Each structure stands twice: as C-alpha cells, then as structure tokens.
Amino acid sequence: MMLYQRVIVLSVLAFAMVLLAACGGETMISEKESVSESGREVIALNGAPMTLNLTSGVGEITIQAGDNPNQVVVAYVKTAYGQTKAEAQAELAAMPLIIGQEAEAITINSVQPALENQTRANTVDLTITVPPAIGLRLVNNVGDVQVRGVQLGEGAAVMVDVGRVRLLDVEALSGLTVSSNVGDVELEGVLGAQGSYEVTTNVGAVTVRVDGALSARVDAETSVGRVTVTGVALRNITRSDGVTAASVRGTAGDGGATLAVRSNIGDVTIRAR
C-alpha cells in the first residue's frame, strides 16, 4: 500500500475510534423527525463602512453581494430534530438566532446549545445579502461556506472547522485569512499588492485562482500531496518534491504581499484565471 493511502486509512481508523469512544459503547438512537422554519430580516445601514461578524454552529452559509449599499438581508432556515414531531417542534421554538447592530458592525450568532442525549445537531442555514463592499469575520463549526462577488475589507477572515470553503469573484486588497480544518478551500479573485494572505486546510485540497497580476512572496506547501503553480510568473523559485511532501516558493511581481497556501493532506494549486 502506498504511504499516501496508508495515511488516509490510518486517519479514518483514528476518526472511527474517536466516535466509538464518544459513544461510550452505548446504543445511539437517532432523531427520526425534523421540522423547519424559514424567515427573513432586513437591516438598514447608514452608508458607513460596515463589518459583518458571523458565528455559526452547524449550517450552510452563503454571503453574496447585493445592489443596495444601505441594507443587509438575512434569510435563514432553522431545522430541529427529535424523536417525535412534538419534540422537534419544541426544540425549533427554542432555537436562538441573535442579530445585533452597532455603528460599524453587524453581529449574527446562530450557535445552538448542545442538548442532553442529542445525536443530531439542530442547524441554521443562512443566506446573507450584503453591500458590494463589507468587512467580514466569519466562523462556522460545521457546514459549507460560500462568499461570492464581495469586495472584502481589511483583515477579512473566513474560518471553518468541518466543511468546504469557497470564495468566488471576491476582491481582497488588504489581506485575507481563509481556513478549514477538514474540507477543500477555494479562493478566486483579485488580491492586493500589500497585506498577508493565508489560505489553508488540514485535510483537503487548496486552490487559489488569481485575477490580474499577482505581487506577492508565494509559499505553497503540502505534507501529503502535490503542489502546482501555473500561469503565475515566479522568480527566485525553490522547489521541493519529497516522497509525500512538496513545496514551491518564489516571488511574483514586486513581492509586496505574502501568499501562504498550505494543506497538510491534499493537493495545493495556484493558477492565473
């Protein structure tokens, strides 16, 4: 068996052992019934620069640019699970979704409390339509995240524990952090000539597609997988191809920014779009 395959198999076995330990040897009875509720809230803005601070427990999240710079629209779907419809309905009625607004920030918290003997987490899926330009701090525990068509403010961050992360057609001119612990990560758009850009995952593939000229010191690395850089002119290149690990480092353009693209287990790709 190849070393790469052995690493994957051992990882799966370790995960299974963790699950067995968590169960404590007891028989788990899964929730059989579910109920959902959808809704929509509109938040009026005053035209000042705004940052969206979003903390999510379990659910899929979409952030998309709208045409109106003076509002944020939050569409949500809450789903609760239970042994019976009545139990699920009672849990749904108690599910919090906290939305707050300050002078320059909108805060959304959709984390749900852990319930005793719960075997399936209640979820909140969010589709948030924001102004074309906005700051973003997003943390999601479990669930895919997509950000599309947004000009991101300085120090934007999107962090997911388990789930796929996709930033598509974005503009990030003043640094960006994108990460997943378990899941593929994809960044597509325009990066600035200054600032720090980190695009990483522990288990999964990482792909960066750059629009226009890239000006950055590039550091691409994987512990298990391949590193591919295409369509991006690098100078002062250093490459390393080990039995499982690989890396590419070099300077693109003036090298004013830093771009770190890393995976522990998975391929890393940087290309011009």
C-alpha atoms as a PDB file:
ATOM      1  CA  MET A   1       0.000   0.000   0.000  1.00  0.00           C
ATOM      2  CA  MET A   2       1.377   3.439  -0.878  1.00  0.00           C
ATOM      3  CA  LEU A   3       2.299   5.741   2.015  1.00  0.00           C
ATOM      4  CA  TYR A   4      -0.334   8.317   0.987  1.00  0.00           C
ATOM      5  CA  GLN A   5      -3.046   5.636   1.104  1.00  0.00           C
ATOM      6  CA  ARG A   6      -1.793   4.374   4.465  1.00  0.00           C
ATOM      7  CA  VAL A   7      -2.044   7.890   5.919  1.00  0.00           C
ATOM      8  CA  ILE A   8      -5.647   8.189   4.751  1.00  0.00           C
ATOM      9  CA  VAL A   9      -6.580   4.757   6.119  1.00  0.00           C
ATOM     10  CA  LEU A  10      -4.966   5.481   9.482  1.00  0.00           C
ATOM     11  CA  SER A  11      -6.776   8.828   9.658  1.00  0.00           C
ATOM     12  CA  VAL A  12     -10.132   7.137   9.011  1.00  0.00           C
ATOM     13  CA  LEU A  13      -9.418   4.474  11.638  1.00  0.00           C
ATOM     14  CA  ALA A  14      -8.463   7.123  14.194  1.00  0.00           C
ATOM     15  CA  PHE A  15     -11.669   9.026  13.484  1.00  0.00           C
ATOM     16  CA  ALA A  16     -13.723   5.843  13.929  1.00  0.00           C
ATOM     17  CA  MET A  17     -12.039   5.161  17.280  1.00  0.00           C
ATOM     18  CA  VAL A  18     -12.898   8.669  18.457  1.00  0.00           C
ATOM     19  CA  LEU A  19     -16.536   8.108  17.524  1.00  0.00           C
ATOM     20  CA  LEU A  20     -16.629   4.809  19.386  1.00  0.00           C
ATOM     21  CA  ALA A  21     -15.095   6.386  22.463  1.00  0.00           C
ATOM     22  CA  ALA A  22     -17.599   9.249  22.339  1.00  0.00           C
ATOM     23  CA  CYS A  23     -20.476   6.771  22.198  1.00  0.00           C
ATOM     24  CA  GLY A  24     -19.146   5.036  25.314  1.00  0.00           C
ATOM     25  CA  GLY A  25     -20.285   1.707  23.946  1.00  0.00           C
ATOM     26  CA  GLU A  26     -23.950   2.680  24.279  1.00  0.00           C
ATOM     27  CA  THR A  27     -26.553   2.260  21.565  1.00  0.00           C
ATOM     28  CA  MET A  28     -27.337   5.613  19.961  1.00  0.00           C
ATOM     29  CA  ILE A  29     -30.938   6.344  18.986  1.00  0.00           C
ATOM     30  CA  SER A  30     -31.056   8.878  16.191  1.00  0.00           C
ATOM     31  CA  GLU A  31     -33.657  11.588  15.894  1.00  0.00           C
ATOM     32  CA  LYS A  32     -36.249  10.459  13.342  1.00  0.00           C
ATOM     33  CA  GLU A  33     -38.359  13.587  12.962  1.00  0.00           C
ATOM     34  CA  SER A  34     -37.500  17.111  11.823  1.00  0.00           C
ATOM     35  CA  VAL A  35     -39.266  20.429  11.448  1.00  0.00           C
ATOM     36  CA  SER A  36     -38.069  23.609   9.743  1.00  0.00           C
ATOM     37  CA  GLU A  37     -38.843  27.303   9.832  1.00  0.00           C
ATOM     38  CA  SER A  38     -37.684  29.963   7.387  1.00  0.00           C
ATOM     39  CA  GLY A  39     -37.582  33.705   7.759  1.00  0.00           C
ATOM     40  CA  ARG A  40     -36.003  36.927   6.603  1.00  0.00           C
ATOM     41  CA  GLU A  41     -34.720  40.060   8.322  1.00  0.00           C
ATOM     42  CA  VAL A  42     -33.683  43.327   6.685  1.00  0.00           C
ATOM     43  CA  ILE A  43     -31.110  45.508   8.435  1.00  0.00           C
ATOM     44  CA  ALA A  44     -30.934  49.135   7.349  1.00  0.00           C
ATOM     45  CA  LEU A  45     -27.488  50.737   7.129  1.00  0.00           C
ATOM     46  CA  ASN A  46     -26.412  54.355   7.295  1.00  0.00           C
ATOM     47  CA  GLY A  47     -23.867  54.223   4.477  1.00  0.00           C
ATOM     48  CA  ALA A  48     -20.829  53.991   6.799  1.00  0.00           C
ATOM     49  CA  PRO A  49     -18.250  51.209   6.276  1.00  0.00           C
ATOM     50  CA  MET A  50     -19.615  48.052   7.858  1.00  0.00           C
ATOM     51  CA  THR A  51     -18.223  44.751   9.167  1.00  0.00           C
ATOM     52  CA  LEU A  52     -20.238  41.542   9.401  1.00  0.00           C
ATOM     53  CA  ASN A  53     -19.268  39.380  12.386  1.00  0.00           C
ATOM     54  CA  LEU A  54     -20.862  35.956  11.989  1.00  0.00           C
ATOM     55  CA  THR A  55     -20.539  32.987  14.341  1.00  0.00           C
ATOM     56  CA  SER A  56     -22.312  29.769  13.331  1.00  0.00           C
ATOM     57  CA  GLY A  57     -22.572  26.332  14.892  1.00  0.00           C
ATOM     58  CA  VAL A  58     -23.925  23.921  12.286  1.00  0.00           C
ATOM     59  CA  GLY A  59     -25.315  25.007   8.935  1.00  0.00           C
ATOM     60  CA  GLU A  60     -24.520  26.089   5.407  1.00  0.00           C
ATOM     61  CA  ILE A  61     -23.678  29.753   4.873  1.00  0.00           C
ATOM     62  CA  THR A  62     -23.794  31.888   1.739  1.00  0.00           C
ATOM     63  CA  ILE A  63     -22.603  35.501   1.677  1.00  0.00           C
ATOM     64  CA  GLN A  64     -23.422  37.308  -1.566  1.00  0.00           C
ATOM     65  CA  ALA A  65     -23.143  40.857  -2.833  1.00  0.00           C
ATOM     66  CA  GLY A  66     -26.344  42.767  -3.464  1.00  0.00           C
ATOM     67  CA  ASP A  67     -27.082  46.000  -5.294  1.00  0.00           C
ATOM     68  CA  ASN A  68     -28.204  48.039  -2.292  1.00  0.00           C
ATOM     69  CA  PRO A  69     -25.316  49.540  -0.249  1.00  0.00           C
ATOM     70  CA  ASN A  70     -27.705  50.549   2.521  1.00  0.00           C
ATOM     71  CA  GLN A  71     -29.025  47.217   3.692  1.00  0.00           C
ATOM     72  CA  VAL A  72     -28.152  43.676   4.735  1.00  0.00           C
ATOM     73  CA  VAL A  73     -30.733  40.943   4.181  1.00  0.00           C
ATOM     74  CA  VAL A  74     -30.527  37.821   6.349  1.00  0.00           C
ATOM     75  CA  ALA A  75     -32.525  34.827   5.098  1.00  0.00           C
ATOM     76  CA  TYR A  76     -32.488  31.811   7.379  1.00  0.00           C
ATOM     77  CA  VAL A  77     -33.756  28.252   7.625  1.00  0.00           C
ATOM     78  CA  LYS A  78     -33.820  26.691  11.088  1.00  0.00           C
ATOM     79  CA  THR A  79     -34.147  22.898  11.316  1.00  0.00           C
ATOM     80  CA  ALA A  80     -34.668  20.971  14.543  1.00  0.00           C
ATOM     81  CA  TYR A  81     -34.621  17.214  15.102  1.00  0.00           C
ATOM     82  CA  GLY A  82     -36.347  14.992  17.661  1.00  0.00           C
ATOM     83  CA  GLN A  83     -37.713  11.562  18.414  1.00  0.00           C
ATOM     84  CA  THR A  84     -41.208  12.885  17.679  1.00  0.00           C
ATOM     85  CA  LYS A  85     -42.638  15.816  15.759  1.00  0.00           C
ATOM     86  CA  ALA A  86     -43.691  17.420  19.021  1.00  0.00           C
ATOM     87  CA  GLU A  87     -40.167  17.136  20.418  1.00  0.00           C
ATOM     88  CA  ALA A  88     -38.672  18.580  17.251  1.00  0.00           C
ATOM     89  CA  GLN A  89     -41.219  21.417  17.268  1.00  0.00           C
ATOM     90  CA  ALA A  90     -40.376  22.253  20.870  1.00  0.00           C
ATOM     91  CA  GLU A  91     -36.671  22.393  20.027  1.00  0.00           C
ATOM     92  CA  LEU A  92     -37.369  24.588  16.987  1.00  0.00           C
ATOM     93  CA  ALA A  93     -39.312  27.069  19.108  1.00  0.00           C
ATOM     94  CA  ALA A  94     -36.336  27.389  21.456  1.00  0.00           C
ATOM     95  CA  MET A  95     -33.650  27.833  18.767  1.00  0.00           C
ATOM     96  CA  PRO A  96     -31.948  31.240  19.048  1.00  0.00           C
ATOM     97  CA  LEU A  97     -30.791  33.416  16.171  1.00  0.00           C
ATOM     98  CA  ILE A  98     -29.226  36.599  17.521  1.00  0.00           C
ATOM     99  CA  ILE A  99     -28.822  39.582  15.205  1.00  0.00           C
ATOM    100  CA  GLY A 100     -27.387  42.813  16.547  1.00  0.00           C
ATOM    101  CA  GLN A 101     -26.252  46.102  15.038  1.00  0.00           C
ATOM    102  CA  GLU A 102     -23.790  48.721  16.189  1.00  0.00           C
ATOM    103  CA  ALA A 103     -22.428  51.820  14.497  1.00  0.00           C
ATOM    104  CA  GLU A 104     -19.981  49.982  12.243  1.00  0.00           C
ATOM    105  CA  ALA A 105     -20.757  46.300  12.784  1.00  0.00           C
ATOM    106  CA  ILE A 106     -23.496  43.718  12.379  1.00  0.00           C
ATOM    107  CA  THR A 107     -23.232  40.689  14.655  1.00  0.00           C
ATOM    108  CA  ILE A 108     -25.012  37.410  13.918  1.00  0.00           C
ATOM    109  CA  ASN A 109     -24.813  34.383  16.215  1.00  0.00           C
ATOM    110  CA  SER A 110     -26.572  31.179  15.163  1.00  0.00           C
ATOM    111  CA  VAL A 111     -24.796  28.760  17.521  1.00  0.00           C
ATOM    112  CA  GLN A 112     -27.266  26.347  19.101  1.00  0.00           C
ATOM    113  CA  PRO A 113     -26.936  24.980  22.651  1.00  0.00           C
ATOM    114  CA  ALA A 114     -25.965  21.328  22.995  1.00  0.00           C
ATOM    115  CA  LEU A 115     -28.877  19.287  24.335  1.00  0.00           C
ATOM    116  CA  GLU A 116     -28.644  16.225  26.527  1.00  0.00           C
ATOM    117  CA  ASN A 117     -28.800  12.908  24.605  1.00  0.00           C
ATOM    118  CA  GLN A 118     -28.914  14.773  21.306  1.00  0.00           C
ATOM    119  CA  THR A 119     -27.490  12.689  18.440  1.00  0.00           C
ATOM    120  CA  ARG A 120     -28.127  15.113  15.574  1.00  0.00           C
ATOM    121  CA  ALA A 121     -27.401  18.797  15.879  1.00  0.00           C
ATOM    122  CA  ASN A 122     -30.038  21.374  15.055  1.00  0.00           C
ATOM    123  CA  THR A 123     -28.992  23.547  12.121  1.00  0.00           C
ATOM    124  CA  VAL A 124     -29.341  27.111  10.899  1.00  0.00           C
ATOM    125  CA  ASP A 125     -28.666  27.731   7.191  1.00  0.00           C
ATOM    126  CA  LEU A 126     -28.006  31.375   6.317  1.00  0.00           C
ATOM    127  CA  THR A 127     -28.068  33.302   3.053  1.00  0.00           C
ATOM    128  CA  ILE A 128     -26.900  36.853   3.686  1.00  0.00           C
ATOM    129  CA  THR A 129     -27.017  39.548   1.023  1.00  0.00           C
ATOM    130  CA  VAL A 130     -24.584  42.347   1.821  1.00  0.00           C
ATOM    131  CA  PRO A 131     -23.436  45.622   0.225  1.00  0.00           C
ATOM    132  CA  PRO A 132     -20.841  45.234  -2.548  1.00  0.00           C
ATOM    133  CA  ALA A 133     -18.080  46.199  -0.076  1.00  0.00           C
ATOM    134  CA  ILE A 134     -18.018  44.967   3.523  1.00  0.00           C
ATOM    135  CA  GLY A 135     -15.693  43.729   6.237  1.00  0.00           C
ATOM    136  CA  LEU A 136     -16.144  40.071   7.169  1.00  0.00           C
ATOM    137  CA  ARG A 137     -15.269  37.916  10.178  1.00  0.00           C
ATOM    138  CA  LEU A 138     -16.913  34.509   9.773  1.00  0.00           C
ATOM    139  CA  VAL A 139     -16.539  31.406  11.942  1.00  0.00           C
ATOM    140  CA  ASN A 140     -18.517  28.210  11.254  1.00  0.00           C
ATOM    141  CA  ASN A 141     -18.170  24.967  13.170  1.00  0.00           C
ATOM    142  CA  VAL A 142     -19.741  22.527  10.684  1.00  0.00           C
ATOM    143  CA  GLY A 143     -21.065  23.306   7.216  1.00  0.00           C
ATOM    144  CA  ASP A 144     -20.054  24.586   3.806  1.00  0.00           C
ATOM    145  CA  VAL A 145     -19.407  28.302   3.339  1.00  0.00           C
ATOM    146  CA  GLN A 146     -19.561  30.310   0.120  1.00  0.00           C
ATOM    147  CA  VAL A 147     -18.738  34.003  -0.329  1.00  0.00           C
ATOM    148  CA  ARG A 148     -19.442  35.429  -3.779  1.00  0.00           C
ATOM    149  CA  GLY A 149     -18.903  38.738  -5.538  1.00  0.00           C
ATOM    150  CA  VAL A 150     -17.907  40.758  -2.468  1.00  0.00           C
ATOM    151  CA  GLN A 151     -15.172  43.363  -2.001  1.00  0.00           C
ATOM    152  CA  LEU A 152     -13.738  42.381   1.374  1.00  0.00           C
ATOM    153  CA  GLY A 153     -12.395  44.886   3.872  1.00  0.00           C
ATOM    154  CA  GLU A 154      -9.038  44.866   5.623  1.00  0.00           C
ATOM    155  CA  GLY A 155      -8.215  41.739   7.625  1.00  0.00           C
ATOM    156  CA  ALA A 156     -11.183  39.689   6.419  1.00  0.00           C
ATOM    157  CA  ALA A 157     -11.316  36.129   7.787  1.00  0.00           C
ATOM    158  CA  VAL A 158     -13.372  33.019   6.967  1.00  0.00           C
ATOM    159  CA  MET A 159     -12.715  30.030   9.230  1.00  0.00           C
ATOM    160  CA  VAL A 160     -14.487  26.657   9.210  1.00  0.00           C
ATOM    161  CA  ASP A 161     -13.814  23.568  11.292  1.00  0.00           C
ATOM    162  CA  VAL A 162     -15.532  20.977   9.066  1.00  0.00           C
ATOM    163  CA  GLY A 163     -16.785  21.997   5.649  1.00  0.00           C
ATOM    164  CA  ARG A 164     -15.884  23.232   2.196  1.00  0.00           C
ATOM    165  CA  VAL A 165     -14.983  26.911   1.844  1.00  0.00           C
ATOM    166  CA  ARG A 166     -15.366  28.767  -1.464  1.00  0.00           C
ATOM    167  CA  LEU A 167     -14.653  32.462  -2.055  1.00  0.00           C
ATOM    168  CA  LEU A 168     -15.562  33.263  -5.652  1.00  0.00           C
ATOM    169  CA  ASP A 169     -15.163  36.503  -7.604  1.00  0.00           C
ATOM    170  CA  VAL A 170     -14.001  38.343  -4.494  1.00  0.00           C
ATOM    171  CA  GLU A 171     -11.698  41.328  -4.169  1.00  0.00           C
ATOM    172  CA  ALA A 172      -9.413  41.368  -1.149  1.00  0.00           C
ATOM    173  CA  LEU A 173      -6.939  44.232  -1.340  1.00  0.00           C
ATOM    174  CA  SER A 174      -5.788  44.387   2.296  1.00  0.00           C
ATOM    175  CA  GLY A 175      -5.136  40.829   3.445  1.00  0.00           C
ATOM    176  CA  LEU A 176      -7.298  37.742   3.957  1.00  0.00           C
ATOM    177  CA  THR A 177      -7.377  34.554   6.031  1.00  0.00           C
ATOM    178  CA  VAL A 178      -9.314  31.528   4.755  1.00  0.00           C
ATOM    179  CA  SER A 179      -9.127  28.169   6.509  1.00  0.00           C
ATOM    180  CA  SER A 180     -10.816  24.828   7.060  1.00  0.00           C
ATOM    181  CA  ASN A 181      -9.742  22.017   9.331  1.00  0.00           C
ATOM    182  CA  VAL A 182     -11.434  19.304   7.237  1.00  0.00           C
ATOM    183  CA  GLY A 183     -12.584  20.361   3.770  1.00  0.00           C
ATOM    184  CA  ASP A 184     -11.461  21.796   0.450  1.00  0.00           C
ATOM    185  CA  VAL A 185     -10.677  25.511   0.270  1.00  0.00           C
ATOM    186  CA  GLU A 186     -11.039  27.613  -2.874  1.00  0.00           C
ATOM    187  CA  LEU A 187     -10.169  31.293  -3.386  1.00  0.00           C
ATOM    188  CA  GLU A 188     -10.865  33.070  -6.668  1.00  0.00           C
ATOM    189  CA  GLY A 189     -10.450  36.780  -7.264  1.00  0.00           C
ATOM    190  CA  VAL A 190      -8.223  39.839  -7.011  1.00  0.00           C
ATOM    191  CA  LEU A 191      -5.548  40.105  -4.333  1.00  0.00           C
ATOM    192  CA  GLY A 192      -3.843  43.324  -3.284  1.00  0.00           C
ATOM    193  CA  ALA A 193      -0.189  44.251  -3.698  1.00  0.00           C
ATOM    194  CA  GLN A 194       0.187  44.558   0.094  1.00  0.00           C
ATOM    195  CA  GLY A 195      -1.007  42.540   3.045  1.00  0.00           C
ATOM    196  CA  SER A 196      -0.936  38.959   4.286  1.00  0.00           C
ATOM    197  CA  TYR A 197      -2.970  36.225   2.577  1.00  0.00           C
ATOM    198  CA  GLU A 198      -3.301  32.766   4.153  1.00  0.00           C
ATOM    199  CA  VAL A 199      -5.327  30.008   2.512  1.00  0.00           C
ATOM    200  CA  THR A 200      -5.068  26.728   4.375  1.00  0.00           C
ATOM    201  CA  THR A 201      -6.671  23.415   5.272  1.00  0.00           C
ATOM    202  CA  ASN A 202      -5.614  20.464   7.356  1.00  0.00           C
ATOM    203  CA  VAL A 203      -7.315  17.763   5.253  1.00  0.00           C
ATOM    204  CA  GLY A 204      -8.398  18.713   1.735  1.00  0.00           C
ATOM    205  CA  ALA A 205      -7.297  20.419  -1.463  1.00  0.00           C
ATOM    206  CA  VAL A 206      -6.484  24.131  -1.641  1.00  0.00           C
ATOM    207  CA  THR A 207      -6.944  26.068  -4.881  1.00  0.00           C
ATOM    208  CA  VAL A 208      -6.147  29.743  -5.479  1.00  0.00           C
ATOM    209  CA  ARG A 209      -7.133  31.342  -8.796  1.00  0.00           C
ATOM    210  CA  VAL A 210      -5.827  34.873  -9.192  1.00  0.00           C
ATOM    211  CA  ASP A 211      -7.329  37.560 -11.407  1.00  0.00           C
ATOM    212  CA  GLY A 212      -4.826  40.035 -12.823  1.00  0.00           C
ATOM    213  CA  ALA A 213      -1.197  40.393 -11.848  1.00  0.00           C
ATOM    214  CA  LEU A 214      -0.036  38.858  -8.580  1.00  0.00           C
ATOM    215  CA  SER A 215       2.508  40.747  -6.482  1.00  0.00           C
ATOM    216  CA  ALA A 216       3.460  38.546  -3.571  1.00  0.00           C
ATOM    217  CA  ARG A 217       6.025  36.329  -1.930  1.00  0.00           C
ATOM    218  CA  VAL A 218       4.497  32.905  -2.516  1.00  0.00           C
ATOM    219  CA  ASP A 219       4.801  29.981  -0.116  1.00  0.00           C
ATOM    220  CA  ALA A 220       2.878  26.873  -1.261  1.00  0.00           C
ATOM    221  CA  GLU A 221       3.271  23.625   0.649  1.00  0.00           C
ATOM    222  CA  THR A 222       1.670  20.258   1.368  1.00  0.00           C
ATOM    223  CA  SER A 223       2.758  17.438   3.646  1.00  0.00           C
ATOM    224  CA  VAL A 224       0.957  14.781   1.608  1.00  0.00           C
ATOM    225  CA  GLY A 225       0.109  15.691  -1.993  1.00  0.00           C
ATOM    226  CA  ARG A 226       1.246  17.791  -4.940  1.00  0.00           C
ATOM    227  CA  VAL A 227       1.928  21.499  -5.414  1.00  0.00           C
ATOM    228  CA  THR A 228       1.144  23.046  -8.821  1.00  0.00           C
ATOM    229  CA  VAL A 229       1.734  26.658  -9.876  1.00  0.00           C
ATOM    230  CA  THR A 230       0.600  27.561 -13.412  1.00  0.00           C
ATOM    231  CA  GLY A 231       0.184  30.862 -15.227  1.00  0.00           C
ATOM    232  CA  VAL A 232       1.876  32.818 -12.424  1.00  0.00           C
ATOM    233  CA  ALA A 233       5.392  34.067 -13.168  1.00  0.00           C
ATOM    234  CA  LEU A 234       7.709  33.417 -10.212  1.00  0.00           C
ATOM    235  CA  ARG A 235      11.344  34.315  -9.782  1.00  0.00           C
ATOM    236  CA  ASN A 236      13.853  33.081  -7.208  1.00  0.00           C
ATOM    237  CA  ILE A 237      11.995  29.785  -7.199  1.00  0.00           C
ATOM    238  CA  THR A 238      12.780  26.960  -4.818  1.00  0.00           C
ATOM    239  CA  ARG A 239      11.023  23.611  -5.203  1.00  0.00           C
ATOM    240  CA  SER A 240      10.919  20.530  -3.059  1.00  0.00           C
ATOM    241  CA  ASP A 241       9.403  17.179  -4.024  1.00  0.00           C
ATOM    242  CA  GLY A 242       9.736  14.528  -1.343  1.00  0.00           C
ATOM    243  CA  VAL A 243       8.182  11.088  -1.069  1.00  0.00           C
ATOM    244  CA  THR A 244       4.874  12.613   0.032  1.00  0.00           C
ATOM    245  CA  ALA A 245       5.574  16.309   0.686  1.00  0.00           C
ATOM    246  CA  ALA A 246       6.030  19.098  -1.843  1.00  0.00           C
ATOM    247  CA  SER A 247       6.560  22.849  -1.817  1.00  0.00           C
ATOM    248  CA  VAL A 248       7.074  25.800  -4.153  1.00  0.00           C
ATOM    249  CA  ARG A 249       8.380  29.174  -3.023  1.00  0.00           C
ATOM    250  CA  GLY A 250       9.108  32.256  -5.065  1.00  0.00           C
ATOM    251  CA  THR A 251       8.310  35.899  -5.752  1.00  0.00           C
ATOM    252  CA  ALA A 252       5.624  37.185  -8.098  1.00  0.00           C
ATOM    253  CA  GLY A 253       5.731  40.779  -9.320  1.00  0.00           C
ATOM    254  CA  ASP A 254       7.120  43.210  -6.768  1.00  0.00           C
ATOM    255  CA  GLY A 255       6.519  40.752  -3.929  1.00  0.00           C
ATOM    256  CA  GLY A 256       4.782  43.326  -1.768  1.00  0.00           C
ATOM    257  CA  ALA A 257       2.227  40.931  -0.287  1.00  0.00           C
ATOM    258  CA  THR A 258       2.649  37.462   1.221  1.00  0.00           C
ATOM    259  CA  LEU A 259       0.605  34.499  -0.024  1.00  0.00           C
ATOM    260  CA  ALA A 260       0.755  31.283   2.022  1.00  0.00           C
ATOM    261  CA  VAL A 261      -1.198  28.339   0.577  1.00  0.00           C
ATOM    262  CA  ARG A 262      -0.968  25.122   2.574  1.00  0.00           C
ATOM    263  CA  SER A 263      -2.551  21.727   3.136  1.00  0.00           C
ATOM    264  CA  ASN A 264      -1.473  19.005   5.494  1.00  0.00           C
ATOM    265  CA  ILE A 265      -3.101  16.220   3.463  1.00  0.00           C
ATOM    266  CA  GLY A 266      -4.169  17.316  -0.029  1.00  0.00           C
ATOM    267  CA  ASP A 267      -3.047  18.982  -3.247  1.00  0.00           C
ATOM    268  CA  VAL A 268      -2.205  22.689  -3.457  1.00  0.00           C
ATOM    269  CA  THR A 269      -2.806  24.640  -6.688  1.00  0.00           C
ATOM    270  CA  ILE A 270      -2.114  28.280  -7.594  1.00  0.00           C
ATOM    271  CA  ARG A 271      -3.032  29.497 -11.055  1.00  0.00           C
ATOM    272  CA  ALA A 272      -3.927  32.607 -13.010  1.00  0.00           C
ATOM    273  CA  ARG A 273      -7.565  32.765 -14.044  1.00  0.00           C
END
